[in-house]
Amino acid sequence: MRKILNILLTSLLFFGAWSCSEDIMDDINKNVNDPTDVGSHLIITDAIVTSAFSITGSDLAFYASVYIEHNVGIWNQSYNAEIRSGEPTSATTYNNSWNSIYQNLYNLKIIIDKCSEGGAEEGNYHTLGIAQVLTAHNLATLTDLMGDVPWTEALQPGIIYKPILDSQESIYTEVKRLLDDAIANFGKESDFAALGTQDFIYEGDIEMWQKFAYGLKARYAMRLSLKTPAYNDVISFADNSFKSSDEQAQFNYNGSTSISPFFKFFTDRDYFGASNSLHEKLADRNDPRDEIFWKINPKGDEFMFAPNGTPVQVQGTYAVSAISNSTAPTYLMSYHEIEFLKAEAYVRLNKLDEAEDALKNALIAAFQKDNIGLTEEDAETYFTDEVLPKFGINPLSEVMNQKYIAFFEEEAVEAYCDYRRLTAMGNNVIKLDNPKNAANQFPQRFTYGNSDVTTNENVRNAYGNGEYIYSEKVWWAGGTR
């Protein structure tokens, strides 16, 4: 009997120890640095940073600045983009940004699912609205540059491996829905605490996020001018958006632990030279920013502009941007853009007095950008002496050229989108000098990312050999995809 009892006790101890060990091993096998469930207030912070630094201020902006002649590519990949060799048609050129956008959209989807009906944070309306605004911004950036892209079947890893491409037209419908839903959610009382410092743009101020959403509605309504002109809507949306530069969607850098993307690109790569065509636009207007935008290359000994399309591939020679500094902000959307949108809409409605007022407001704000440093008085003098005479001759041309100048250099993607929209509408008011453009080598869009070109036959078939980027406009610019 005692032998049997000893066996039973030994067995109990063994199984008890085994059970305890399994529990311990379960805990040991958990990676506390890679949790399976994270609160939306933490995910949204990363989504904000990614939207600003890795997408708005990324390679997408660097290449757009070359195509739109804010900068001249003078070395390596940027030089290839300048002379239209390899880079514009390669699937690897924008692959990092392509991946960043889709990863960010996936993270934002997690937030939207969490905060929607039936989710773990149902009733967290304000964080839901912010995620919807950022999704609209990211998704619109993706389709504006690439055209038709995977969307409705995307963001389902392990379920759908080869998502189809959705039409740009349908994606724009989704962007509009996201912004409308966001505005509705901002009007609801949230059951959750405000984001506060987790929100690096507005510190949880939902009124500002709502103004940002209305600003994006104005931007995208104007983007569709060729397809469905709605200039009164543009003005209405803009009137509900930012009232000053203090309210704009601006992501700031401290210059040490966080550094402005354009400045980082220059200090790490030195791939840009000062654009002669942009300089000529400024010189033609006696624009005081002509003395502010550029400086002698730190490695050079004389001031030299780079010729658009025909630079020598050399570093340390051409002048470089003087407004690229470590704390230059990234604009997800600026107040001066809002006023420029209103100015264009008023011009197209033949309300020139209102257009003049909006243009003046835009210039005053652009002159006082953080890294420009001119005054309101400087802007007013310039407006009276130089801008108004040109506005009187061709209002649309002057509004759009002033917008183009103001967008140097942080808002290059928007300048690139404006140029494609204007030319599609027959408004060839912004003169670009790269001779490759006359040879039908202006990039009408960016290529798809190599990650999907090599793995998704739907994307691969749409990509082909990449040459389509010179001939096929995106849908809102008159193309089919």
Protein backbone atom coordinates (compact mmCIF):
# COMPACT_ATOMS: atom_id res chain seq x y z
CA MET A 1 0.00 0.00 0.00
CA ARG A 2 2.77 2.39 0.96
CA LYS A 3 4.49 1.60 -2.34
CA ILE A 4 1.33 2.43 -4.27
CA LEU A 5 0.88 5.66 -2.23
CA ASN A 6 4.48 6.68 -2.97
CA ILE A 7 3.91 6.06 -6.66
CA LEU A 8 0.72 8.19 -6.58
CA LEU A 9 2.45 11.02 -4.70
CA THR A 10 5.40 10.93 -7.08
CA SER A 11 3.03 11.05 -10.03
CA LEU A 12 1.12 13.99 -8.59
CA LEU A 13 4.33 15.88 -7.96
CA PHE A 14 5.53 15.11 -11.46
CA PHE A 15 2.35 16.25 -13.14
CA GLY A 16 2.14 19.28 -10.87
CA ALA A 17 5.70 20.25 -11.76
CA TRP A 18 4.99 19.54 -15.44
CA SER A 19 1.90 21.79 -15.34
CA CYS A 20 3.80 24.53 -13.57
CA SER A 21 6.61 24.28 -16.08
CA GLU A 22 4.16 24.59 -19.00
CA ASP A 23 2.72 27.79 -17.50
CA ILE A 24 6.18 29.19 -16.99
CA MET A 25 7.21 28.23 -20.51
CA ASP A 26 4.09 29.90 -21.92
CA ASP A 27 5.12 33.11 -20.18
CA ILE A 28 8.73 32.76 -21.27
CA ASN A 29 7.68 32.27 -24.88
CA LYS A 30 5.74 35.53 -24.89
CA ASN A 31 7.64 38.42 -26.46
CA VAL A 32 6.67 41.40 -24.33
CA ASN A 33 8.22 43.67 -26.97
CA ASP A 34 5.90 42.29 -29.65
CA PRO A 35 2.42 42.15 -28.09
CA THR A 36 -0.45 40.67 -30.07
CA ASP A 37 -2.89 43.39 -29.02
CA VAL A 38 -2.03 47.08 -28.69
CA GLY A 39 -4.28 49.97 -27.74
CA SER A 40 -5.29 52.29 -30.55
CA HIS A 41 -3.78 55.26 -28.69
CA LEU A 42 -0.35 53.71 -29.23
CA ILE A 43 -0.86 52.59 -32.82
CA ILE A 44 -2.13 56.01 -33.87
CA THR A 45 1.10 57.68 -32.76
CA ASP A 46 3.13 55.48 -35.08
CA ALA A 47 0.63 56.06 -37.89
CA ILE A 48 0.98 59.84 -37.52
CA VAL A 49 4.78 59.69 -37.58
CA THR A 50 4.79 57.35 -40.57
CA SER A 51 2.29 59.51 -42.47
CA ALA A 52 4.54 62.53 -42.05
CA PHE A 53 8.10 61.25 -42.23
CA SER A 54 7.93 58.00 -44.22
CA ILE A 55 5.20 58.96 -46.70
CA THR A 56 4.61 62.72 -47.06
CA GLY A 57 8.29 63.52 -46.56
CA SER A 58 9.68 60.41 -48.24
CA ASP A 59 11.20 59.36 -51.55
CA LEU A 60 7.84 60.25 -53.08
CA ALA A 61 8.49 63.92 -52.34
CA PHE A 62 12.15 63.73 -53.38
CA TYR A 63 11.34 62.34 -56.82
CA ALA A 64 8.33 64.61 -57.27
CA SER A 65 10.59 67.61 -56.58
CA VAL A 66 12.83 66.51 -59.50
CA TYR A 67 9.96 65.95 -61.94
CA ILE A 68 8.30 69.24 -61.01
CA GLU A 69 11.67 71.09 -61.14
CA HIS A 70 11.78 72.30 -57.58
CA ASN A 71 15.17 70.60 -57.50
CA VAL A 72 17.54 69.20 -60.12
CA GLY A 73 18.81 65.65 -59.71
CA ILE A 74 22.60 65.86 -59.94
CA TRP A 75 23.82 62.52 -58.56
CA ASN A 76 23.02 58.81 -58.67
CA GLN A 77 19.29 57.94 -58.47
CA SER A 78 18.19 61.57 -58.54
CA TYR A 79 20.37 62.21 -61.59
CA ASN A 80 18.83 59.21 -63.32
CA ALA A 81 15.38 60.61 -62.55
CA GLU A 82 16.47 63.98 -63.97
CA ILE A 83 17.65 62.53 -67.27
CA ARG A 84 14.82 59.93 -67.31
CA SER A 85 17.12 56.92 -67.24
CA GLY A 86 16.07 53.85 -65.29
CA GLU A 87 14.65 55.38 -62.12
CA PRO A 88 11.28 56.69 -63.42
CA THR A 89 10.33 53.30 -64.88
CA SER A 90 11.93 50.96 -62.32
CA ALA A 91 9.71 49.08 -59.87
CA THR A 92 12.39 49.42 -57.18
CA THR A 93 12.41 53.24 -57.20
CA TYR A 94 9.42 53.79 -54.92
CA ASN A 95 9.31 50.36 -53.29
CA ASN A 96 10.14 51.61 -49.79
CA SER A 97 7.35 54.19 -49.90
CA TRP A 98 4.94 51.67 -51.43
CA ASN A 99 5.58 49.28 -48.54
CA SER A 100 5.35 52.07 -45.96
CA ILE A 101 1.97 53.21 -47.23
CA TYR A 102 0.47 49.73 -47.19
CA GLN A 103 1.90 48.94 -43.74
CA ASN A 104 0.49 52.23 -42.47
CA LEU A 105 -2.90 51.55 -44.05
CA TYR A 106 -2.89 48.13 -42.37
CA ASN A 107 -2.14 49.66 -38.96
CA LEU A 108 -4.84 52.27 -39.49
CA LYS A 109 -7.29 49.50 -40.40
CA ILE A 110 -6.55 47.86 -37.04
CA ILE A 111 -7.48 51.12 -35.30
CA ILE A 112 -10.64 51.54 -37.37
CA ASP A 113 -11.72 47.96 -36.61
CA LYS A 114 -10.99 48.39 -32.89
CA CYS A 115 -12.92 51.65 -32.60
CA SER A 116 -15.90 50.72 -34.79
CA GLU A 117 -19.08 48.96 -33.72
CA GLY A 118 -18.29 45.56 -32.24
CA GLY A 119 -14.62 46.39 -31.73
CA ALA A 120 -12.70 46.31 -28.45
CA GLU A 121 -12.78 50.13 -28.28
CA GLU A 122 -16.28 50.74 -29.61
CA GLY A 123 -17.21 54.34 -28.79
CA ASN A 124 -13.68 55.69 -29.26
CA TYR A 125 -15.07 58.00 -31.93
CA HIS A 126 -12.33 60.61 -31.98
CA THR A 127 -9.44 58.18 -32.46
CA LEU A 128 -11.59 56.46 -35.08
CA GLY A 129 -12.05 59.77 -36.89
CA ILE A 130 -8.31 60.52 -36.81
CA ALA A 131 -7.56 57.07 -38.26
CA GLN A 132 -10.10 57.70 -41.02
CA VAL A 133 -8.53 61.06 -41.90
CA LEU A 134 -5.05 59.52 -42.02
CA THR A 135 -6.34 56.60 -44.10
CA ALA A 136 -7.87 59.05 -46.57
CA HIS A 137 -4.60 61.00 -46.76
CA ASN A 138 -2.45 57.87 -47.23
CA LEU A 139 -4.81 56.24 -49.71
CA ALA A 140 -5.18 59.40 -51.79
CA THR A 141 -1.39 59.83 -51.89
CA LEU A 142 -1.07 56.25 -53.11
CA THR A 143 -3.61 56.55 -55.91
CA ASP A 144 -2.62 60.09 -56.89
CA LEU A 145 0.87 58.84 -57.65
CA MET A 146 0.25 55.26 -58.82
CA GLY A 147 -3.29 55.33 -60.24
CA ASP A 148 -5.28 52.08 -59.91
CA VAL A 149 -3.95 50.15 -56.90
CA PRO A 150 -4.97 47.19 -54.73
CA TRP A 151 -7.42 48.28 -52.05
CA THR A 152 -10.65 46.34 -51.42
CA GLU A 153 -8.79 43.01 -51.43
CA ALA A 154 -5.62 44.41 -49.87
CA LEU A 155 -4.61 44.41 -46.18
CA GLN A 156 -5.65 40.77 -45.73
CA PRO A 157 -2.37 38.91 -45.15
CA GLY A 158 -2.72 35.15 -45.14
CA ILE A 159 -6.17 35.38 -46.76
CA ILE A 160 -5.79 37.13 -50.10
CA TYR A 161 -2.28 36.91 -51.53
CA LYS A 162 -2.86 38.54 -54.91
CA PRO A 163 -5.36 41.38 -54.49
CA ILE A 164 -6.88 42.90 -57.60
CA LEU A 165 -6.39 46.55 -58.52
CA ASP A 166 -9.26 48.93 -57.77
CA SER A 167 -9.98 51.84 -60.09
CA GLN A 168 -8.82 55.27 -59.06
CA GLU A 169 -12.40 56.48 -59.48
CA SER A 170 -13.66 53.98 -56.89
CA ILE A 171 -10.78 54.77 -54.55
CA TYR A 172 -11.66 58.46 -54.64
CA THR A 173 -15.21 57.52 -53.66
CA GLU A 174 -13.70 55.70 -50.68
CA VAL A 175 -11.53 58.71 -49.77
CA LYS A 176 -14.62 60.92 -49.74
CA ARG A 177 -16.51 58.41 -47.56
CA LEU A 178 -13.64 58.18 -45.08
CA LEU A 179 -13.51 61.96 -44.66
CA ASP A 180 -17.28 62.27 -44.30
CA ASP A 181 -17.33 59.50 -41.72
CA ALA A 182 -14.44 61.11 -39.85
CA ILE A 183 -16.23 64.45 -39.66
CA ALA A 184 -19.34 62.68 -38.35
CA ASN A 185 -17.30 60.86 -35.71
CA PHE A 186 -15.63 64.08 -34.59
CA GLY A 187 -19.10 65.41 -33.82
CA LYS A 188 -19.84 62.56 -31.40
CA GLU A 189 -18.96 62.41 -27.71
CA SER A 190 -16.20 59.85 -27.22
CA ASP A 191 -16.19 57.33 -24.38
CA PHE A 192 -12.39 57.40 -24.30
CA ALA A 193 -9.82 59.91 -23.10
CA ALA A 194 -8.28 62.37 -25.57
CA LEU A 195 -4.98 61.33 -27.14
CA GLY A 196 -3.07 64.26 -25.72
CA THR A 197 0.67 64.01 -26.36
CA GLN A 198 0.19 60.70 -28.21
CA ASP A 199 -1.00 62.94 -31.05
CA PHE A 200 2.12 64.63 -32.45
CA ILE A 201 0.18 67.04 -34.65
CA TYR A 202 -2.76 68.40 -32.64
CA GLU A 203 -2.36 66.86 -29.16
CA GLY A 204 -5.85 65.44 -29.34
CA ASP A 205 -7.58 68.66 -30.42
CA ILE A 206 -10.50 67.21 -32.39
CA GLU A 207 -11.63 70.58 -33.73
CA MET A 208 -8.28 70.86 -35.54
CA TRP A 209 -8.57 67.34 -36.93
CA GLN A 210 -12.01 68.23 -38.22
CA LYS A 211 -10.58 71.29 -39.97
CA PHE A 212 -7.87 69.09 -41.48
CA ALA A 213 -10.57 66.72 -42.78
CA TYR A 214 -12.42 69.60 -44.43
CA GLY A 215 -9.16 70.82 -45.95
CA LEU A 216 -8.57 67.42 -47.49
CA LYS A 217 -12.10 67.45 -48.88
CA ALA A 218 -11.27 70.77 -50.56
CA ARG A 219 -7.99 69.40 -51.95
CA TYR A 220 -9.56 66.27 -53.40
CA ALA A 221 -12.60 68.10 -54.75
CA MET A 222 -10.20 70.33 -56.68
CA ARG A 223 -8.23 67.29 -57.81
CA LEU A 224 -11.34 66.05 -59.62
CA SER A 225 -11.87 69.30 -61.52
CA LEU A 226 -11.40 67.66 -64.92
CA LYS A 227 -13.96 64.97 -64.11
CA THR A 228 -16.50 66.73 -61.90
CA PRO A 229 -15.77 70.43 -61.40
CA ALA A 230 -17.24 71.57 -58.08
CA TYR A 231 -15.61 74.90 -57.27
CA ASN A 232 -18.30 76.07 -54.88
CA ASP A 233 -17.74 72.87 -52.89
CA VAL A 234 -14.00 73.57 -52.83
CA ILE A 235 -14.68 77.00 -51.33
CA SER A 236 -17.22 75.66 -48.85
CA PHE A 237 -14.89 72.93 -47.62
CA ALA A 238 -11.96 75.35 -47.44
CA ASP A 239 -14.03 77.82 -45.42
CA ASN A 240 -14.52 75.06 -42.83
CA SER A 241 -10.79 74.38 -42.69
CA PHE A 242 -7.77 76.25 -41.32
CA LYS A 243 -8.04 79.96 -40.51
CA SER A 244 -4.32 80.55 -40.00
CA SER A 245 -0.94 78.84 -40.18
CA ASP A 246 -1.25 78.03 -36.48
CA GLU A 247 -3.93 75.50 -37.35
CA GLN A 248 -2.30 73.71 -40.29
CA ALA A 249 -1.46 69.99 -40.21
CA GLN A 250 2.25 70.42 -39.61
CA PHE A 251 4.62 67.77 -38.27
CA ASN A 252 7.58 69.28 -36.43
CA TYR A 253 11.13 68.01 -35.86
CA ASN A 254 13.44 68.92 -32.99
CA GLY A 255 16.61 68.74 -35.11
CA SER A 256 18.36 66.15 -32.94
CA THR A 257 16.33 63.02 -32.23
CA SER A 258 14.02 63.85 -35.14
CA ILE A 259 15.32 65.50 -38.31
CA SER A 260 13.52 67.03 -41.30
CA PRO A 261 13.45 64.56 -44.25
CA PHE A 262 14.71 66.93 -46.97
CA PHE A 263 17.59 68.06 -44.75
CA LYS A 264 18.44 64.45 -43.92
CA PHE A 265 18.32 63.56 -47.62
CA PHE A 266 20.77 66.34 -48.46
CA THR A 267 23.21 65.65 -45.64
CA ASP A 268 23.17 61.89 -46.29
CA ARG A 269 23.08 61.93 -50.10
CA ASP A 270 23.75 65.39 -51.62
CA TYR A 271 21.72 64.45 -54.70
CA PHE A 272 20.08 67.84 -55.47
CA GLY A 273 21.14 71.05 -57.18
CA ALA A 274 19.30 74.39 -57.29
CA SER A 275 16.71 74.47 -60.07
CA ASN A 276 17.31 77.07 -62.78
CA SER A 277 13.68 76.98 -63.98
CA LEU A 278 12.35 77.75 -60.50
CA HIS A 279 14.92 80.53 -60.17
CA GLU A 280 13.74 82.08 -63.44
CA LYS A 281 10.14 82.18 -62.22
CA LEU A 282 11.26 84.00 -59.10
CA ALA A 283 13.57 86.38 -60.98
CA ASP A 284 10.78 87.24 -63.43
CA ARG A 285 8.71 88.42 -60.48
CA ASN A 286 11.48 90.17 -58.52
CA ASP A 287 10.53 87.72 -55.80
CA PRO A 288 12.50 88.23 -52.56
CA ARG A 289 12.50 84.46 -52.02
CA ASP A 290 15.00 84.20 -54.86
CA GLU A 291 17.63 85.34 -52.33
CA ILE A 292 16.37 82.95 -49.66
CA PHE A 293 15.73 79.61 -51.35
CA TRP A 294 19.35 78.68 -52.17
CA LYS A 295 22.94 78.98 -51.02
CA ILE A 296 26.40 78.06 -52.31
CA ASN A 297 27.13 74.38 -51.98
CA PRO A 298 29.09 73.89 -48.72
CA LYS A 299 31.78 72.11 -50.74
CA GLY A 300 31.82 74.66 -53.58
CA ASP A 301 33.27 78.11 -54.07
CA GLU A 302 30.77 79.78 -56.41
CA PHE A 303 26.99 80.04 -56.77
CA MET A 304 25.72 78.02 -59.73
CA PHE A 305 22.21 76.93 -60.71
CA ALA A 306 21.76 73.47 -62.22
CA PRO A 307 20.25 73.30 -65.71
CA ASN A 308 17.04 71.28 -65.76
CA GLY A 309 17.45 68.04 -67.68
CA THR A 310 21.09 68.59 -68.61
CA PRO A 311 23.18 68.88 -65.44
CA VAL A 312 26.65 67.46 -65.12
CA GLN A 313 26.57 64.52 -62.73
CA VAL A 314 28.71 66.02 -60.02
CA GLN A 315 28.51 66.75 -56.30
CA GLY A 316 29.75 69.80 -54.43
CA THR A 317 29.32 72.18 -57.38
CA TYR A 318 25.74 73.39 -57.84
CA ALA A 319 23.99 75.61 -55.31
CA VAL A 320 21.68 73.82 -52.90
CA SER A 321 18.52 74.55 -50.94
CA ALA A 322 18.96 77.00 -48.10
CA ILE A 323 15.54 76.27 -46.60
CA SER A 324 16.40 72.63 -45.91
CA ASN A 325 17.32 72.62 -42.26
CA SER A 326 17.09 70.08 -39.50
CA THR A 327 13.81 71.47 -38.11
CA ALA A 328 11.99 72.30 -41.38
CA PRO A 329 8.47 70.89 -40.87
CA THR A 330 6.54 68.43 -42.98
CA TYR A 331 3.14 69.69 -44.10
CA LEU A 332 0.39 67.09 -44.35
CA MET A 333 -1.65 70.14 -45.32
CA SER A 334 -0.80 73.83 -44.97
CA TYR A 335 -2.95 76.89 -44.44
CA HIS A 336 -1.47 78.52 -47.53
CA GLU A 337 -2.70 75.54 -49.57
CA ILE A 338 -6.22 76.19 -48.31
CA GLU A 339 -6.06 79.81 -49.47
CA PHE A 340 -4.56 78.84 -52.83
CA LEU A 341 -7.40 76.35 -53.34
CA LYS A 342 -9.90 79.10 -52.67
CA ALA A 343 -8.06 81.49 -55.00
CA GLU A 344 -8.16 79.02 -57.88
CA ALA A 345 -11.81 78.16 -57.28
CA TYR A 346 -12.79 81.85 -57.24
CA VAL A 347 -10.84 82.46 -60.46
CA ARG A 348 -12.64 79.61 -62.19
CA LEU A 349 -15.97 81.07 -61.00
CA ASN A 350 -14.86 84.49 -62.31
CA LYS A 351 -15.03 86.01 -58.82
CA LEU A 352 -11.76 87.86 -59.14
CA ASP A 353 -12.05 90.14 -56.12
CA GLU A 354 -12.48 87.13 -53.84
CA ALA A 355 -9.67 85.34 -55.68
CA GLU A 356 -7.36 88.31 -55.11
CA ASP A 357 -8.08 88.31 -51.38
CA ALA A 358 -7.44 84.57 -51.07
CA LEU A 359 -4.22 84.83 -53.09
CA LYS A 360 -2.99 87.61 -50.83
CA ASN A 361 -3.73 85.53 -47.73
CA ALA A 362 -1.87 82.59 -49.24
CA LEU A 363 1.20 84.67 -50.04
CA ILE A 364 1.34 86.26 -46.60
CA ALA A 365 1.28 82.79 -45.03
CA ALA A 366 3.85 81.37 -47.46
CA PHE A 367 6.24 84.27 -46.87
CA GLN A 368 6.13 83.57 -43.14
CA LYS A 369 6.81 79.83 -43.31
CA ASP A 370 9.14 78.64 -40.55
CA ASN A 371 12.14 78.33 -42.85
CA ILE A 372 11.45 81.42 -45.02
CA GLY A 373 11.28 84.16 -42.41
CA LEU A 374 9.88 87.06 -44.44
CA THR A 375 7.27 89.39 -42.96
CA GLU A 376 3.67 90.23 -43.70
CA GLU A 377 4.85 93.64 -44.90
CA ASP A 378 7.28 91.96 -47.31
CA ALA A 379 4.42 89.88 -48.71
CA GLU A 380 2.09 92.86 -49.09
CA THR A 381 4.71 94.91 -50.93
CA TYR A 382 5.50 92.01 -53.26
CA PHE A 383 1.81 91.36 -53.83
CA THR A 384 1.09 94.95 -54.81
CA ASP A 385 4.18 95.56 -56.93
CA GLU A 386 4.70 92.24 -58.67
CA VAL A 387 1.78 89.84 -58.27
CA LEU A 388 -1.24 92.03 -58.96
CA PRO A 389 -0.03 93.18 -62.41
CA LYS A 390 0.45 89.56 -63.51
CA PHE A 391 -2.82 88.53 -61.87
CA GLY A 392 -4.59 91.23 -63.89
CA ILE A 393 -3.24 89.75 -67.13
CA ASN A 394 -3.85 86.06 -66.39
CA PRO A 395 -5.40 85.34 -62.96
CA LEU A 396 -5.22 81.54 -63.17
CA SER A 397 -1.59 81.56 -64.28
CA GLU A 398 -0.47 83.77 -61.43
CA VAL A 399 -2.43 81.89 -58.78
CA MET A 400 -0.97 78.57 -59.87
CA ASN A 401 2.58 79.86 -60.30
CA GLN A 402 2.50 81.41 -56.85
CA LYS A 403 1.20 78.14 -55.43
CA TYR A 404 3.96 76.27 -57.26
CA ILE A 405 6.62 78.59 -55.80
CA ALA A 406 5.16 78.44 -52.28
CA PHE A 407 5.24 74.64 -52.34
CA PHE A 408 9.06 74.54 -52.63
CA GLU A 409 10.16 72.18 -51.24
CA GLU A 410 8.20 70.32 -48.62
CA GLU A 411 4.99 70.19 -50.70
CA ALA A 412 6.47 68.83 -53.93
CA VAL A 413 3.93 66.01 -54.27
CA GLU A 414 1.05 68.47 -54.30
CA ALA A 415 2.86 70.63 -56.86
CA TYR A 416 3.34 67.51 -59.01
CA CYS A 417 -0.37 66.67 -58.76
CA ASP A 418 -1.35 70.26 -59.60
CA TYR A 419 0.83 70.26 -62.71
CA ARG A 420 -0.68 67.04 -64.05
CA ARG A 421 -4.22 68.24 -63.36
CA LEU A 422 -3.65 71.63 -64.99
CA THR A 423 -2.10 70.23 -68.15
CA ALA A 424 -4.93 67.69 -68.43
CA MET A 425 -7.39 70.61 -68.27
CA GLY A 426 -5.49 72.47 -70.98
CA ASN A 427 -4.16 75.04 -68.53
CA ASN A 428 -0.45 74.96 -69.40
CA VAL A 429 0.42 77.81 -67.08
CA ILE A 430 3.46 76.33 -65.29
CA LYS A 431 6.51 76.22 -67.53
CA LEU A 432 8.94 73.35 -67.06
CA ASP A 433 12.30 73.37 -68.85
CA ASN A 434 13.54 69.76 -68.87
CA PRO A 435 13.91 68.93 -72.59
CA LYS A 436 12.95 65.34 -71.86
CA ASN A 437 9.37 66.53 -71.29
CA ALA A 438 9.10 67.66 -74.92
CA ALA A 439 10.23 64.16 -75.94
CA ASN A 440 7.22 62.66 -74.12
CA GLN A 441 9.27 61.69 -71.10
CA PHE A 442 7.49 63.57 -68.36
CA PRO A 443 6.50 60.95 -65.75
CA GLN A 444 2.71 60.99 -65.67
CA ARG A 445 2.71 58.73 -62.62
CA PHE A 446 4.97 56.66 -60.35
CA THR A 447 5.52 52.92 -60.79
CA TYR A 448 4.14 50.24 -58.51
CA GLY A 449 6.42 48.88 -55.80
CA ASN A 450 8.67 45.96 -56.61
CA SER A 451 7.38 43.98 -53.64
CA ASP A 452 4.08 43.49 -55.45
CA VAL A 453 5.34 43.59 -59.02
CA THR A 454 7.32 40.43 -58.27
CA THR A 455 4.63 38.62 -56.24
CA ASN A 456 1.22 39.75 -57.48
CA GLU A 457 0.43 39.01 -61.12
CA ASN A 458 -2.32 41.65 -61.11
CA VAL A 459 0.21 44.35 -60.27
CA ARG A 460 2.86 42.82 -62.52
CA ASN A 461 0.51 42.87 -65.53
CA ALA A 462 -0.36 46.51 -64.87
CA TYR A 463 3.34 47.38 -64.54
CA GLY A 464 4.59 45.65 -67.69
CA ASN A 465 8.05 47.06 -68.38
CA GLY A 466 7.37 50.35 -66.60
CA GLU A 467 7.30 52.49 -69.74
CA TYR A 468 3.60 53.14 -69.25
CA ILE A 469 4.47 55.93 -66.81
CA TYR A 470 5.32 58.22 -69.75
CA SER A 471 2.13 57.61 -71.72
CA GLU A 472 -0.70 56.66 -69.35
CA LYS A 473 -2.16 59.44 -67.25
CA VAL A 474 -4.02 58.66 -64.05
CA TRP A 475 -7.81 58.69 -64.20
CA TRP A 476 -8.38 62.16 -62.72
CA ALA A 477 -5.91 63.58 -65.28
CA GLY A 478 -7.78 62.10 -68.23
CA GLY A 479 -6.36 58.58 -68.26
CA THR A 480 -8.10 55.27 -67.84
CA ARG A 481 -6.27 54.00 -64.75
